[in-house]
Amino acid sequence: MMDLKAALGEVPIIAIIRGVMADEVEAVAEALISAGVRVIEVPMNSPEPLESIRRLGRFADRAVHGAGTVLSAAVVDQVAEAGGRIIVAPNTDAAVIRRSVERGLVPMPGFGSATEAFEAYAAGARYLKLYPASTYGVAHVKAMLDVLPDDVVVQPVGGVKPEQMADWWAAGARGCGMGGDLFKPGFTPDEVHGRAVAAVAAVRALRPDVAKANP
């Protein structure tokens, strides 16, 4: 079973497949994974998200998957029972973070301010999602990393495009979440694959040390 550190070590992209249907999730996942993506998030405001998360369990040796837009500890329990392994949220909620850690899942809460970042860290989160990244900007990441503990990984999400990755990387971000540039309802698996190939290539241009998975 692939773990999150190894998955992001290969390709530091989290694919956010908001709106995916349960009967298409496996084809979409295959398209992403074959392009090199190793982390997949199904937002809880998608149709039948828990069923999609269950179905993604068959890819556990090739990718890490879980839920996004998780807003309560009760949902953490539901995701754990469905086999999800990451809990992504748009906000910092200590109860969600602590419950994720208790259930053996990796919390990835959203933050904007230094206060939120340190609250998330104190609750047990080490992967912090700057959201929405487009309104905070690259300089915000650099300033935050000057004061955050060394074991924090900051990942911008929200409006991050492949052509902007170099700027985020230079500021200290290590990975990003990508949604509409990879998947939107109505995209075919071939479209998803092509977009994922382009995103992975952009990351590999920044990281010559990443694994050379075949697209």
N, C-alpha and C. Protein backbone atom coordinates (compact mmCIF):
# COMPACT_ATOMS: atom_id res chain seq x y z
N MET A 1 0.84 -1.20 0.00
CA MET A 1 0.00 0.00 0.00
C MET A 1 0.87 1.24 0.00
N MET A 2 0.62 2.15 -0.91
CA MET A 2 1.41 3.37 -1.01
C MET A 2 1.05 4.33 0.12
N ASP A 3 2.08 4.98 0.71
CA ASP A 3 1.77 5.97 1.74
C ASP A 3 1.87 7.37 1.15
N LEU A 4 1.36 8.35 1.89
CA LEU A 4 1.25 9.70 1.35
C LEU A 4 2.61 10.32 1.06
N LYS A 5 3.56 10.11 1.94
CA LYS A 5 4.89 10.70 1.73
C LYS A 5 5.51 10.18 0.43
N ALA A 6 5.39 8.88 0.21
CA ALA A 6 5.93 8.30 -1.02
C ALA A 6 5.17 8.80 -2.24
N ALA A 7 3.85 8.89 -2.10
CA ALA A 7 3.03 9.35 -3.23
C ALA A 7 3.39 10.77 -3.65
N LEU A 8 3.49 11.67 -2.68
CA LEU A 8 3.84 13.05 -2.99
C LEU A 8 5.31 13.17 -3.38
N GLY A 9 6.12 12.22 -2.92
CA GLY A 9 7.52 12.21 -3.33
C GLY A 9 7.68 11.92 -4.81
N GLU A 10 6.77 11.12 -5.34
CA GLU A 10 6.80 10.83 -6.78
C GLU A 10 6.30 12.03 -7.58
N VAL A 11 5.12 12.46 -7.27
CA VAL A 11 4.52 13.61 -7.96
C VAL A 11 3.69 14.39 -6.94
N PRO A 12 4.11 15.59 -6.57
CA PRO A 12 3.42 16.34 -5.51
C PRO A 12 2.18 17.09 -6.01
N ILE A 13 1.25 16.34 -6.55
CA ILE A 13 -0.03 16.88 -7.01
C ILE A 13 -1.16 16.10 -6.35
N ILE A 14 -2.13 16.82 -5.83
CA ILE A 14 -3.36 16.19 -5.34
C ILE A 14 -4.45 16.50 -6.36
N ALA A 15 -4.97 15.47 -6.99
CA ALA A 15 -6.03 15.65 -7.98
C ALA A 15 -7.37 15.72 -7.27
N ILE A 16 -8.07 16.82 -7.45
CA ILE A 16 -9.37 17.04 -6.81
C ILE A 16 -10.45 16.78 -7.86
N ILE A 17 -11.18 15.68 -7.71
CA ILE A 17 -12.15 15.29 -8.74
C ILE A 17 -13.57 15.60 -8.26
N ARG A 18 -13.81 16.87 -8.05
CA ARG A 18 -15.11 17.33 -7.57
C ARG A 18 -16.20 17.07 -8.62
N GLY A 19 -17.29 16.46 -8.17
CA GLY A 19 -18.40 16.20 -9.08
C GLY A 19 -18.32 14.86 -9.79
N VAL A 20 -17.29 14.07 -9.50
CA VAL A 20 -17.16 12.77 -10.16
C VAL A 20 -18.32 11.86 -9.76
N MET A 21 -18.78 11.06 -10.71
CA MET A 21 -19.83 10.08 -10.45
C MET A 21 -19.19 8.77 -10.03
N ALA A 22 -19.86 8.04 -9.16
CA ALA A 22 -19.31 6.79 -8.67
C ALA A 22 -19.05 5.79 -9.79
N ASP A 23 -19.91 5.81 -10.83
CA ASP A 23 -19.74 4.83 -11.90
C ASP A 23 -18.65 5.21 -12.89
N GLU A 24 -18.03 6.38 -12.72
CA GLU A 24 -16.93 6.78 -13.60
C GLU A 24 -15.62 6.97 -12.85
N VAL A 25 -15.67 6.86 -11.52
CA VAL A 25 -14.50 7.23 -10.73
C VAL A 25 -13.29 6.34 -11.02
N GLU A 26 -13.51 5.07 -11.29
CA GLU A 26 -12.38 4.19 -11.54
C GLU A 26 -11.69 4.52 -12.86
N ALA A 27 -12.46 4.86 -13.88
CA ALA A 27 -11.86 5.23 -15.17
C ALA A 27 -11.10 6.54 -15.04
N VAL A 28 -11.65 7.49 -14.28
CA VAL A 28 -10.97 8.76 -14.05
C VAL A 28 -9.68 8.54 -13.26
N ALA A 29 -9.75 7.70 -12.24
CA ALA A 29 -8.57 7.41 -11.44
C ALA A 29 -7.48 6.75 -12.28
N GLU A 30 -7.85 5.82 -13.12
CA GLU A 30 -6.87 5.17 -13.98
C GLU A 30 -6.21 6.17 -14.90
N ALA A 31 -6.99 7.12 -15.41
CA ALA A 31 -6.43 8.15 -16.29
C ALA A 31 -5.42 9.01 -15.54
N LEU A 32 -5.72 9.36 -14.31
CA LEU A 32 -4.80 10.17 -13.51
C LEU A 32 -3.55 9.39 -13.12
N ILE A 33 -3.75 8.18 -12.64
CA ILE A 33 -2.62 7.39 -12.15
C ILE A 33 -1.68 7.02 -13.30
N SER A 34 -2.23 6.69 -14.44
CA SER A 34 -1.37 6.33 -15.58
C SER A 34 -0.56 7.53 -16.07
N ALA A 35 -1.01 8.74 -15.74
CA ALA A 35 -0.25 9.94 -16.09
C ALA A 35 0.82 10.28 -15.05
N GLY A 36 0.75 9.62 -13.89
CA GLY A 36 1.75 9.86 -12.85
C GLY A 36 1.21 10.42 -11.56
N VAL A 37 -0.06 10.84 -11.53
CA VAL A 37 -0.65 11.38 -10.31
C VAL A 37 -0.80 10.25 -9.29
N ARG A 38 -0.50 10.55 -8.02
CA ARG A 38 -0.51 9.51 -7.00
C ARG A 38 -1.42 9.82 -5.81
N VAL A 39 -2.09 10.98 -5.82
CA VAL A 39 -3.00 11.34 -4.73
C VAL A 39 -4.30 11.85 -5.32
N ILE A 40 -5.42 11.27 -4.89
CA ILE A 40 -6.72 11.61 -5.44
C ILE A 40 -7.69 11.95 -4.31
N GLU A 41 -8.36 13.08 -4.46
CA GLU A 41 -9.32 13.56 -3.46
C GLU A 41 -10.72 13.62 -4.07
N VAL A 42 -11.67 13.01 -3.40
CA VAL A 42 -13.08 13.09 -3.80
C VAL A 42 -13.79 14.02 -2.82
N PRO A 43 -14.15 15.23 -3.23
CA PRO A 43 -14.86 16.13 -2.32
C PRO A 43 -16.20 15.55 -1.88
N MET A 44 -16.56 15.82 -0.64
CA MET A 44 -17.79 15.27 -0.09
C MET A 44 -19.04 15.87 -0.70
N ASN A 45 -18.92 16.97 -1.44
CA ASN A 45 -20.09 17.50 -2.12
C ASN A 45 -20.20 17.00 -3.56
N SER A 46 -19.56 15.88 -3.83
CA SER A 46 -19.72 15.16 -5.09
C SER A 46 -20.87 14.16 -4.94
N PRO A 47 -21.43 13.67 -6.05
CA PRO A 47 -22.47 12.65 -5.95
C PRO A 47 -21.89 11.34 -5.37
N GLU A 48 -22.54 10.77 -4.38
CA GLU A 48 -22.12 9.51 -3.78
C GLU A 48 -20.63 9.45 -3.47
N PRO A 49 -20.11 10.41 -2.72
CA PRO A 49 -18.66 10.46 -2.49
C PRO A 49 -18.11 9.24 -1.76
N LEU A 50 -18.86 8.73 -0.81
CA LEU A 50 -18.36 7.58 -0.05
C LEU A 50 -18.26 6.34 -0.92
N GLU A 51 -19.19 6.18 -1.85
CA GLU A 51 -19.11 5.05 -2.78
C GLU A 51 -17.91 5.20 -3.69
N SER A 52 -17.65 6.43 -4.15
CA SER A 52 -16.46 6.66 -4.98
C SER A 52 -15.19 6.35 -4.21
N ILE A 53 -15.15 6.75 -2.95
CA ILE A 53 -13.98 6.48 -2.12
C ILE A 53 -13.80 4.98 -1.94
N ARG A 54 -14.89 4.26 -1.73
CA ARG A 54 -14.80 2.80 -1.61
C ARG A 54 -14.19 2.19 -2.88
N ARG A 55 -14.67 2.63 -4.02
CA ARG A 55 -14.21 2.07 -5.28
C ARG A 55 -12.73 2.38 -5.55
N LEU A 56 -12.27 3.51 -5.05
CA LEU A 56 -10.86 3.87 -5.25
C LEU A 56 -9.92 2.98 -4.43
N GLY A 57 -10.47 2.22 -3.51
CA GLY A 57 -9.63 1.33 -2.72
C GLY A 57 -8.87 0.32 -3.56
N ARG A 58 -9.37 0.00 -4.74
CA ARG A 58 -8.67 -0.97 -5.59
C ARG A 58 -7.34 -0.44 -6.13
N PHE A 59 -7.12 0.87 -5.99
CA PHE A 59 -5.86 1.48 -6.47
C PHE A 59 -4.89 1.74 -5.32
N ALA A 60 -5.12 1.14 -4.16
CA ALA A 60 -4.35 1.48 -2.96
C ALA A 60 -2.85 1.22 -3.10
N ASP A 61 -2.47 0.31 -3.98
CA ASP A 61 -1.04 0.04 -4.16
C ASP A 61 -0.39 1.01 -5.14
N ARG A 62 -1.20 1.85 -5.79
CA ARG A 62 -0.67 2.77 -6.79
C ARG A 62 -0.94 4.23 -6.47
N ALA A 63 -1.82 4.49 -5.51
CA ALA A 63 -2.18 5.87 -5.19
C ALA A 63 -2.79 5.94 -3.80
N VAL A 64 -2.82 7.13 -3.25
CA VAL A 64 -3.46 7.42 -1.97
C VAL A 64 -4.72 8.21 -2.26
N HIS A 65 -5.82 7.86 -1.62
CA HIS A 65 -7.07 8.56 -1.90
C HIS A 65 -7.80 8.88 -0.60
N GLY A 66 -8.74 9.79 -0.71
CA GLY A 66 -9.54 10.16 0.45
C GLY A 66 -10.55 11.21 0.09
N ALA A 67 -10.99 11.95 1.09
CA ALA A 67 -12.10 12.88 0.91
C ALA A 67 -11.65 14.33 1.05
N GLY A 68 -12.36 15.20 0.36
CA GLY A 68 -12.18 16.63 0.49
C GLY A 68 -13.46 17.26 0.99
N THR A 69 -13.36 18.54 1.35
CA THR A 69 -14.51 19.29 1.88
C THR A 69 -15.12 18.54 3.08
N VAL A 70 -14.25 18.08 3.95
CA VAL A 70 -14.68 17.38 5.16
C VAL A 70 -14.85 18.42 6.27
N LEU A 71 -16.08 18.54 6.78
CA LEU A 71 -16.40 19.64 7.69
C LEU A 71 -16.77 19.19 9.10
N SER A 72 -16.74 17.90 9.37
CA SER A 72 -17.09 17.44 10.72
C SER A 72 -16.36 16.14 11.06
N ALA A 73 -16.20 15.90 12.35
CA ALA A 73 -15.56 14.67 12.81
C ALA A 73 -16.40 13.44 12.42
N ALA A 74 -17.70 13.60 12.36
CA ALA A 74 -18.56 12.47 11.98
C ALA A 74 -18.27 12.02 10.56
N VAL A 75 -17.99 12.97 9.68
CA VAL A 75 -17.67 12.62 8.30
C VAL A 75 -16.31 11.93 8.23
N VAL A 76 -15.39 12.32 9.10
CA VAL A 76 -14.10 11.62 9.17
C VAL A 76 -14.33 10.14 9.40
N ASP A 77 -15.22 9.82 10.32
CA ASP A 77 -15.53 8.41 10.61
C ASP A 77 -16.10 7.71 9.38
N GLN A 78 -16.98 8.39 8.66
CA GLN A 78 -17.56 7.80 7.45
C GLN A 78 -16.50 7.52 6.39
N VAL A 79 -15.59 8.46 6.24
CA VAL A 79 -14.52 8.28 5.25
C VAL A 79 -13.60 7.14 5.65
N ALA A 80 -13.29 7.07 6.94
CA ALA A 80 -12.44 5.97 7.43
C ALA A 80 -13.09 4.63 7.14
N GLU A 81 -14.38 4.51 7.38
CA GLU A 81 -15.09 3.26 7.14
C GLU A 81 -15.14 2.92 5.65
N ALA A 82 -15.11 3.95 4.80
CA ALA A 82 -15.13 3.73 3.35
C ALA A 82 -13.75 3.41 2.78
N GLY A 83 -12.72 3.51 3.62
CA GLY A 83 -11.37 3.17 3.17
C GLY A 83 -10.52 4.34 2.75
N GLY A 84 -11.02 5.57 2.96
CA GLY A 84 -10.22 6.74 2.63
C GLY A 84 -9.04 6.89 3.56
N ARG A 85 -8.01 7.57 3.10
CA ARG A 85 -6.79 7.68 3.90
C ARG A 85 -6.33 9.11 4.13
N ILE A 86 -6.92 10.07 3.42
CA ILE A 86 -6.61 11.47 3.67
C ILE A 86 -7.92 12.22 3.91
N ILE A 87 -7.84 13.25 4.74
CA ILE A 87 -8.98 14.10 5.06
C ILE A 87 -8.59 15.54 4.73
N VAL A 88 -9.16 16.06 3.67
CA VAL A 88 -8.85 17.41 3.21
C VAL A 88 -10.03 18.31 3.54
N ALA A 89 -9.74 19.51 4.01
CA ALA A 89 -10.79 20.46 4.38
C ALA A 89 -10.44 21.85 3.87
N PRO A 90 -11.44 22.69 3.67
CA PRO A 90 -11.16 24.06 3.25
C PRO A 90 -10.83 24.97 4.42
N ASN A 91 -10.98 24.45 5.65
CA ASN A 91 -10.82 25.27 6.85
C ASN A 91 -10.00 24.53 7.90
N THR A 92 -9.71 25.24 8.98
CA THR A 92 -9.02 24.65 10.12
C THR A 92 -10.03 24.35 11.20
N ASP A 93 -10.24 23.08 11.47
CA ASP A 93 -11.16 22.64 12.52
C ASP A 93 -10.42 21.60 13.35
N ALA A 94 -10.06 21.98 14.57
CA ALA A 94 -9.24 21.10 15.41
C ALA A 94 -9.91 19.75 15.64
N ALA A 95 -11.22 19.73 15.75
CA ALA A 95 -11.93 18.47 15.99
C ALA A 95 -11.77 17.52 14.81
N VAL A 96 -11.86 18.05 13.61
CA VAL A 96 -11.68 17.24 12.40
C VAL A 96 -10.25 16.71 12.33
N ILE A 97 -9.30 17.57 12.63
CA ILE A 97 -7.89 17.17 12.57
C ILE A 97 -7.60 16.07 13.60
N ARG A 98 -8.03 16.30 14.82
CA ARG A 98 -7.77 15.31 15.87
C ARG A 98 -8.44 13.97 15.58
N ARG A 99 -9.67 14.01 15.08
CA ARG A 99 -10.36 12.77 14.76
C ARG A 99 -9.66 12.03 13.63
N SER A 100 -9.15 12.76 12.66
CA SER A 100 -8.41 12.14 11.57
C SER A 100 -7.19 11.39 12.09
N VAL A 101 -6.45 12.04 12.97
CA VAL A 101 -5.26 11.42 13.56
C VAL A 101 -5.66 10.19 14.37
N GLU A 102 -6.73 10.30 15.14
CA GLU A 102 -7.20 9.17 15.94
C GLU A 102 -7.56 7.96 15.08
N ARG A 103 -8.12 8.23 13.90
CA ARG A 103 -8.53 7.15 13.01
C ARG A 103 -7.41 6.68 12.08
N GLY A 104 -6.23 7.26 12.21
CA GLY A 104 -5.10 6.85 11.39
C GLY A 104 -5.10 7.44 9.99
N LEU A 105 -5.88 8.50 9.80
CA LEU A 105 -5.93 9.18 8.51
C LEU A 105 -5.05 10.43 8.56
N VAL A 106 -4.64 10.92 7.42
CA VAL A 106 -3.79 12.11 7.37
C VAL A 106 -4.65 13.35 7.14
N PRO A 107 -4.66 14.28 8.10
CA PRO A 107 -5.43 15.51 7.91
C PRO A 107 -4.68 16.51 7.05
N MET A 108 -5.41 17.18 6.19
CA MET A 108 -4.84 18.22 5.33
C MET A 108 -5.79 19.42 5.36
N PRO A 109 -5.78 20.16 6.49
CA PRO A 109 -6.73 21.26 6.65
C PRO A 109 -6.35 22.50 5.85
N GLY A 110 -7.37 23.30 5.56
CA GLY A 110 -7.13 24.56 4.89
C GLY A 110 -6.79 25.64 5.91
N PHE A 111 -5.95 26.58 5.49
CA PHE A 111 -5.60 27.70 6.36
C PHE A 111 -5.36 28.94 5.51
N GLY A 112 -5.41 30.08 6.17
CA GLY A 112 -5.06 31.33 5.51
C GLY A 112 -4.08 32.12 6.34
N SER A 113 -4.37 32.20 7.64
CA SER A 113 -3.56 33.01 8.54
C SER A 113 -2.55 32.18 9.32
N ALA A 114 -1.61 32.89 9.95
CA ALA A 114 -0.65 32.21 10.82
C ALA A 114 -1.36 31.57 12.00
N THR A 115 -2.39 32.21 12.51
CA THR A 115 -3.14 31.65 13.64
C THR A 115 -3.74 30.30 13.26
N GLU A 116 -4.37 30.24 12.10
CA GLU A 116 -4.97 28.97 11.65
C GLU A 116 -3.91 27.91 11.43
N ALA A 117 -2.78 28.31 10.86
CA ALA A 117 -1.71 27.34 10.59
C ALA A 117 -1.20 26.73 11.89
N PHE A 118 -0.97 27.55 12.90
CA PHE A 118 -0.46 27.03 14.17
C PHE A 118 -1.52 26.24 14.92
N GLU A 119 -2.78 26.61 14.79
CA GLU A 119 -3.85 25.82 15.40
C GLU A 119 -3.91 24.43 14.76
N ALA A 120 -3.78 24.40 13.44
CA ALA A 120 -3.81 23.12 12.73
C ALA A 120 -2.62 22.25 13.14
N TYR A 121 -1.47 22.87 13.26
CA TYR A 121 -0.27 22.13 13.65
C TYR A 121 -0.42 21.57 15.06
N ALA A 122 -0.93 22.38 15.98
CA ALA A 122 -1.10 21.93 17.36
C ALA A 122 -2.08 20.76 17.46
N ALA A 123 -3.06 20.72 16.56
CA ALA A 123 -4.05 19.64 16.57
C ALA A 123 -3.52 18.36 15.93
N GLY A 124 -2.38 18.46 15.23
CA GLY A 124 -1.77 17.26 14.66
C GLY A 124 -1.54 17.26 13.17
N ALA A 125 -1.88 18.35 12.49
CA ALA A 125 -1.70 18.40 11.03
C ALA A 125 -0.28 18.81 10.67
N ARG A 126 0.26 18.16 9.66
CA ARG A 126 1.57 18.51 9.14
C ARG A 126 1.52 18.93 7.67
N TYR A 127 0.46 18.58 6.99
CA TYR A 127 0.22 19.04 5.63
C TYR A 127 -0.85 20.13 5.70
N LEU A 128 -0.50 21.34 5.30
CA LEU A 128 -1.42 22.46 5.40
C LEU A 128 -1.75 22.99 4.00
N LYS A 129 -3.03 23.17 3.77
CA LYS A 129 -3.55 23.58 2.47
C LYS A 129 -3.85 25.08 2.48
N LEU A 130 -3.06 25.85 1.76
CA LEU A 130 -3.33 27.28 1.63
C LEU A 130 -4.51 27.45 0.68
N TYR A 131 -5.63 27.95 1.23
CA TYR A 131 -6.86 28.02 0.43
C TYR A 131 -7.64 29.29 0.75
N PRO A 132 -8.12 29.98 -0.31
CA PRO A 132 -7.82 29.77 -1.73
C PRO A 132 -6.51 30.44 -2.11
N ALA A 133 -5.64 29.68 -2.72
CA ALA A 133 -4.29 30.15 -3.02
C ALA A 133 -4.28 31.37 -3.92
N SER A 134 -5.23 31.47 -4.83
CA SER A 134 -5.23 32.56 -5.81
C SER A 134 -5.41 33.92 -5.15
N THR A 135 -6.08 33.97 -4.00
CA THR A 135 -6.28 35.26 -3.34
C THR A 135 -5.17 35.59 -2.34
N TYR A 136 -4.47 34.57 -1.86
CA TYR A 136 -3.35 34.83 -0.94
C TYR A 136 -2.05 35.11 -1.70
N GLY A 137 -1.78 34.36 -2.74
CA GLY A 137 -0.60 34.63 -3.55
C GLY A 137 0.68 33.97 -3.08
N VAL A 138 1.65 33.98 -3.97
CA VAL A 138 2.93 33.31 -3.74
C VAL A 138 3.68 33.89 -2.56
N ALA A 139 3.67 35.20 -2.41
CA ALA A 139 4.44 35.83 -1.34
C ALA A 139 3.94 35.39 0.04
N HIS A 140 2.66 35.06 0.12
CA HIS A 140 2.09 34.62 1.40
C HIS A 140 2.73 33.31 1.86
N VAL A 141 2.98 32.39 0.93
CA VAL A 141 3.62 31.12 1.27
C VAL A 141 5.01 31.36 1.83
N LYS A 142 5.77 32.19 1.15
CA LYS A 142 7.14 32.45 1.59
C LYS A 142 7.15 33.05 2.99
N ALA A 143 6.27 34.01 3.25
CA ALA A 143 6.22 34.64 4.56
C ALA A 143 5.80 33.64 5.64
N MET A 144 4.84 32.79 5.33
CA MET A 144 4.38 31.82 6.31
C MET A 144 5.47 30.82 6.66
N LEU A 145 6.19 30.36 5.66
CA LEU A 145 7.23 29.36 5.90
C LEU A 145 8.40 29.90 6.71
N ASP A 146 8.52 31.21 6.79
CA ASP A 146 9.57 31.80 7.63
C ASP A 146 9.31 31.53 9.12
N VAL A 147 8.04 31.30 9.49
CA VAL A 147 7.71 31.14 10.90
C VAL A 147 7.16 29.76 11.26
N LEU A 148 6.74 28.98 10.27
CA LEU A 148 6.17 27.67 10.56
C LEU A 148 7.25 26.64 10.88
N PRO A 149 6.93 25.60 11.65
CA PRO A 149 7.91 24.55 11.95
C PRO A 149 8.44 23.89 10.68
N ASP A 150 9.63 23.35 10.78
CA ASP A 150 10.30 22.79 9.60
C ASP A 150 9.58 21.59 9.00
N ASP A 151 8.77 20.88 9.80
CA ASP A 151 8.13 19.68 9.27
C ASP A 151 6.75 19.96 8.66
N VAL A 152 6.41 21.22 8.48
CA VAL A 152 5.16 21.58 7.82
C VAL A 152 5.35 21.59 6.31
N VAL A 153 4.40 21.00 5.62
CA VAL A 153 4.37 21.04 4.16
C VAL A 153 3.18 21.92 3.75
N VAL A 154 3.46 23.00 3.05
CA VAL A 154 2.40 23.90 2.59
C VAL A 154 2.09 23.62 1.13
N GLN A 155 0.81 23.43 0.85
CA GLN A 155 0.37 23.11 -0.50
C GLN A 155 -0.75 24.06 -0.92
N PRO A 156 -0.51 24.91 -1.89
CA PRO A 156 -1.54 25.83 -2.36
C PRO A 156 -2.63 25.10 -3.13
N VAL A 157 -3.86 25.51 -2.92
CA VAL A 157 -5.02 24.92 -3.60
C VAL A 157 -6.00 26.04 -3.93
N GLY A 158 -6.54 25.99 -5.13
CA GLY A 158 -7.52 26.99 -5.52
C GLY A 158 -6.94 27.98 -6.51
N GLY A 159 -7.10 27.68 -7.79
CA GLY A 159 -6.59 28.57 -8.83
C GLY A 159 -5.15 28.33 -9.22
N VAL A 160 -4.56 27.21 -8.77
CA VAL A 160 -3.17 26.90 -9.12
C VAL A 160 -3.14 26.19 -10.47
N LYS A 161 -2.39 26.73 -11.40
CA LYS A 161 -2.31 26.16 -12.74
C LYS A 161 -0.89 25.65 -13.01
N PRO A 162 -0.75 24.69 -13.92
CA PRO A 162 0.58 24.12 -14.17
C PRO A 162 1.65 25.16 -14.49
N GLU A 163 1.28 26.19 -15.25
CA GLU A 163 2.28 27.18 -15.65
C GLU A 163 2.72 28.07 -14.48
N GLN A 164 2.02 27.99 -13.34
CA GLN A 164 2.38 28.79 -12.17
C GLN A 164 3.20 28.01 -11.14
N MET A 165 3.39 26.74 -11.40
CA MET A 165 4.02 25.89 -10.38
C MET A 165 5.43 26.34 -10.02
N ALA A 166 6.18 26.84 -10.99
CA ALA A 166 7.56 27.26 -10.71
C ALA A 166 7.59 28.36 -9.66
N ASP A 167 6.65 29.30 -9.73
CA ASP A 167 6.62 30.40 -8.77
C ASP A 167 6.27 29.89 -7.36
N TRP A 168 5.29 29.00 -7.28
CA TRP A 168 4.92 28.45 -5.99
C TRP A 168 6.07 27.64 -5.39
N TRP A 169 6.73 26.87 -6.26
CA TRP A 169 7.85 26.04 -5.79
C TRP A 169 8.98 26.90 -5.27
N ALA A 170 9.29 27.97 -5.96
CA ALA A 170 10.36 28.87 -5.54
C ALA A 170 10.04 29.52 -4.20
N ALA A 171 8.76 29.70 -3.90
CA ALA A 171 8.36 30.29 -2.63
C ALA A 171 8.41 29.30 -1.48
N GLY A 172 8.56 28.01 -1.78
CA GLY A 172 8.68 27.00 -0.74
C GLY A 172 7.53 26.02 -0.66
N ALA A 173 6.49 26.22 -1.47
CA ALA A 173 5.40 25.25 -1.49
C ALA A 173 5.92 23.92 -2.02
N ARG A 174 5.40 22.84 -1.48
CA ARG A 174 5.84 21.52 -1.93
C ARG A 174 4.62 20.69 -2.30
N GLY A 175 4.15 20.96 -3.50
CA GLY A 175 2.98 20.28 -3.99
C GLY A 175 1.81 21.24 -4.08
N CYS A 176 0.74 20.77 -4.69
CA CYS A 176 -0.45 21.61 -4.84
C CYS A 176 -1.65 20.72 -5.11
N GLY A 177 -2.82 21.29 -4.87
CA GLY A 177 -4.05 20.63 -5.25
C GLY A 177 -4.54 21.23 -6.55
N MET A 178 -4.99 20.38 -7.46
CA MET A 178 -5.49 20.85 -8.74
C MET A 178 -6.86 20.24 -9.00
N GLY A 179 -7.82 21.08 -9.34
CA GLY A 179 -9.17 20.61 -9.57
C GLY A 179 -9.57 20.72 -11.03
N GLY A 180 -10.16 21.85 -11.40
CA GLY A 180 -10.71 22.02 -12.73
C GLY A 180 -9.73 21.89 -13.86
N ASP A 181 -8.45 22.09 -13.59
CA ASP A 181 -7.47 21.91 -14.66
C ASP A 181 -7.22 20.44 -14.96
N LEU A 182 -7.65 19.56 -14.06
CA LEU A 182 -7.50 18.12 -14.29
C LEU A 182 -8.83 17.45 -14.58
N PHE A 183 -9.86 17.84 -13.82
CA PHE A 183 -11.16 17.16 -13.98
C PHE A 183 -12.30 18.12 -13.72
N LYS A 184 -13.30 18.04 -14.59
CA LYS A 184 -14.60 18.65 -14.39
C LYS A 184 -15.65 17.66 -14.87
N PRO A 185 -16.84 17.68 -14.29
CA PRO A 185 -17.88 16.78 -14.79
C PRO A 185 -18.06 16.94 -16.29
N GLY A 186 -18.07 15.82 -16.97
CA GLY A 186 -18.18 15.84 -18.43
C GLY A 186 -16.87 15.55 -19.14
N PHE A 187 -15.74 15.70 -18.44
CA PHE A 187 -14.46 15.36 -19.05
C PHE A 187 -14.40 13.85 -19.27
N THR A 188 -13.89 13.44 -20.42
CA THR A 188 -13.67 12.02 -20.67
C THR A 188 -12.37 11.58 -20.00
N PRO A 189 -12.19 10.28 -19.78
CA PRO A 189 -10.91 9.82 -19.23
C PRO A 189 -9.71 10.24 -20.09
N ASP A 190 -9.88 10.28 -21.40
CA ASP A 190 -8.78 10.72 -22.26
C ASP A 190 -8.43 12.18 -22.00
N GLU A 191 -9.44 13.01 -21.81
CA GLU A 191 -9.18 14.42 -21.50
C GLU A 191 -8.47 14.55 -20.16
N VAL A 192 -8.93 13.81 -19.19
CA VAL A 192 -8.30 13.84 -17.87
C VAL A 192 -6.84 13.41 -17.97
N HIS A 193 -6.61 12.35 -18.72
CA HIS A 193 -5.24 11.85 -18.87
C HIS A 193 -4.34 12.91 -19.50
N GLY A 194 -4.80 13.54 -20.56
CA GLY A 194 -3.99 14.55 -21.24
C GLY A 194 -3.66 15.72 -20.34
N ARG A 195 -4.64 16.16 -19.58
CA ARG A 195 -4.41 17.27 -18.66
C ARG A 195 -3.46 16.87 -17.54
N ALA A 196 -3.60 15.65 -17.06
CA ALA A 196 -2.72 15.18 -15.99
C ALA A 196 -1.28 15.03 -16.48
N VAL A 197 -1.11 14.56 -17.69
CA VAL A 197 0.24 14.45 -18.26
C VAL A 197 0.92 15.82 -18.28
N ALA A 198 0.18 16.85 -18.69
CA ALA A 198 0.75 18.20 -18.74
C ALA A 198 1.11 18.71 -17.35
N ALA A 199 0.25 18.46 -16.37
CA ALA A 199 0.53 18.91 -15.01
C ALA A 199 1.74 18.19 -14.41
N VAL A 200 1.81 16.89 -14.64
CA VAL A 200 2.93 16.11 -14.13
C VAL A 200 4.24 16.56 -14.78
N ALA A 201 4.19 16.85 -16.06
CA ALA A 201 5.39 17.33 -16.76
C ALA A 201 5.87 18.64 -16.16
N ALA A 202 4.93 19.52 -15.78
CA ALA A 202 5.30 20.79 -15.18
C ALA A 202 6.01 20.59 -13.85
N VAL A 203 5.54 19.63 -13.06
CA VAL A 203 6.19 19.34 -11.79
C VAL A 203 7.56 18.72 -11.99
N ARG A 204 7.65 17.83 -12.94
CA ARG A 204 8.94 17.17 -13.19
C ARG A 204 9.99 18.14 -13.71
N ALA A 205 9.54 19.20 -14.38
CA ALA A 205 10.49 20.20 -14.83
C ALA A 205 11.12 20.94 -13.65
N LEU A 206 10.38 20.99 -12.54
CA LEU A 206 10.89 21.63 -11.32
C LEU A 206 11.71 20.66 -10.49
N ARG A 207 11.38 19.38 -10.62
CA ARG A 207 11.97 18.36 -9.76
C ARG A 207 12.62 17.25 -10.58
N PRO A 208 13.84 17.41 -11.00
CA PRO A 208 14.48 16.36 -11.78
C PRO A 208 14.69 15.08 -11.01
N ASP A 209 14.51 15.13 -9.66
CA ASP A 209 14.73 13.95 -8.83
C ASP A 209 13.48 13.07 -8.72
N VAL A 210 12.33 13.54 -9.21
CA VAL A 210 11.13 12.74 -9.03
C VAL A 210 11.17 11.50 -9.91
N ALA A 211 10.42 10.50 -9.48
CA ALA A 211 10.40 9.23 -10.21
C ALA A 211 9.92 9.44 -11.63
N LYS A 212 10.47 8.69 -12.55
CA LYS A 212 10.11 8.81 -13.96
C LYS A 212 9.02 7.80 -14.31
N ALA A 213 7.84 8.01 -13.74
CA ALA A 213 6.72 7.11 -14.07
C ALA A 213 6.33 7.33 -15.52
N ASN A 214 5.97 6.26 -16.19
CA ASN A 214 5.57 6.37 -17.60
C ASN A 214 4.19 6.98 -17.72
N PRO A 215 4.02 8.06 -18.50
CA PRO A 215 2.69 8.66 -18.67
C PRO A 215 1.82 7.76 -19.53
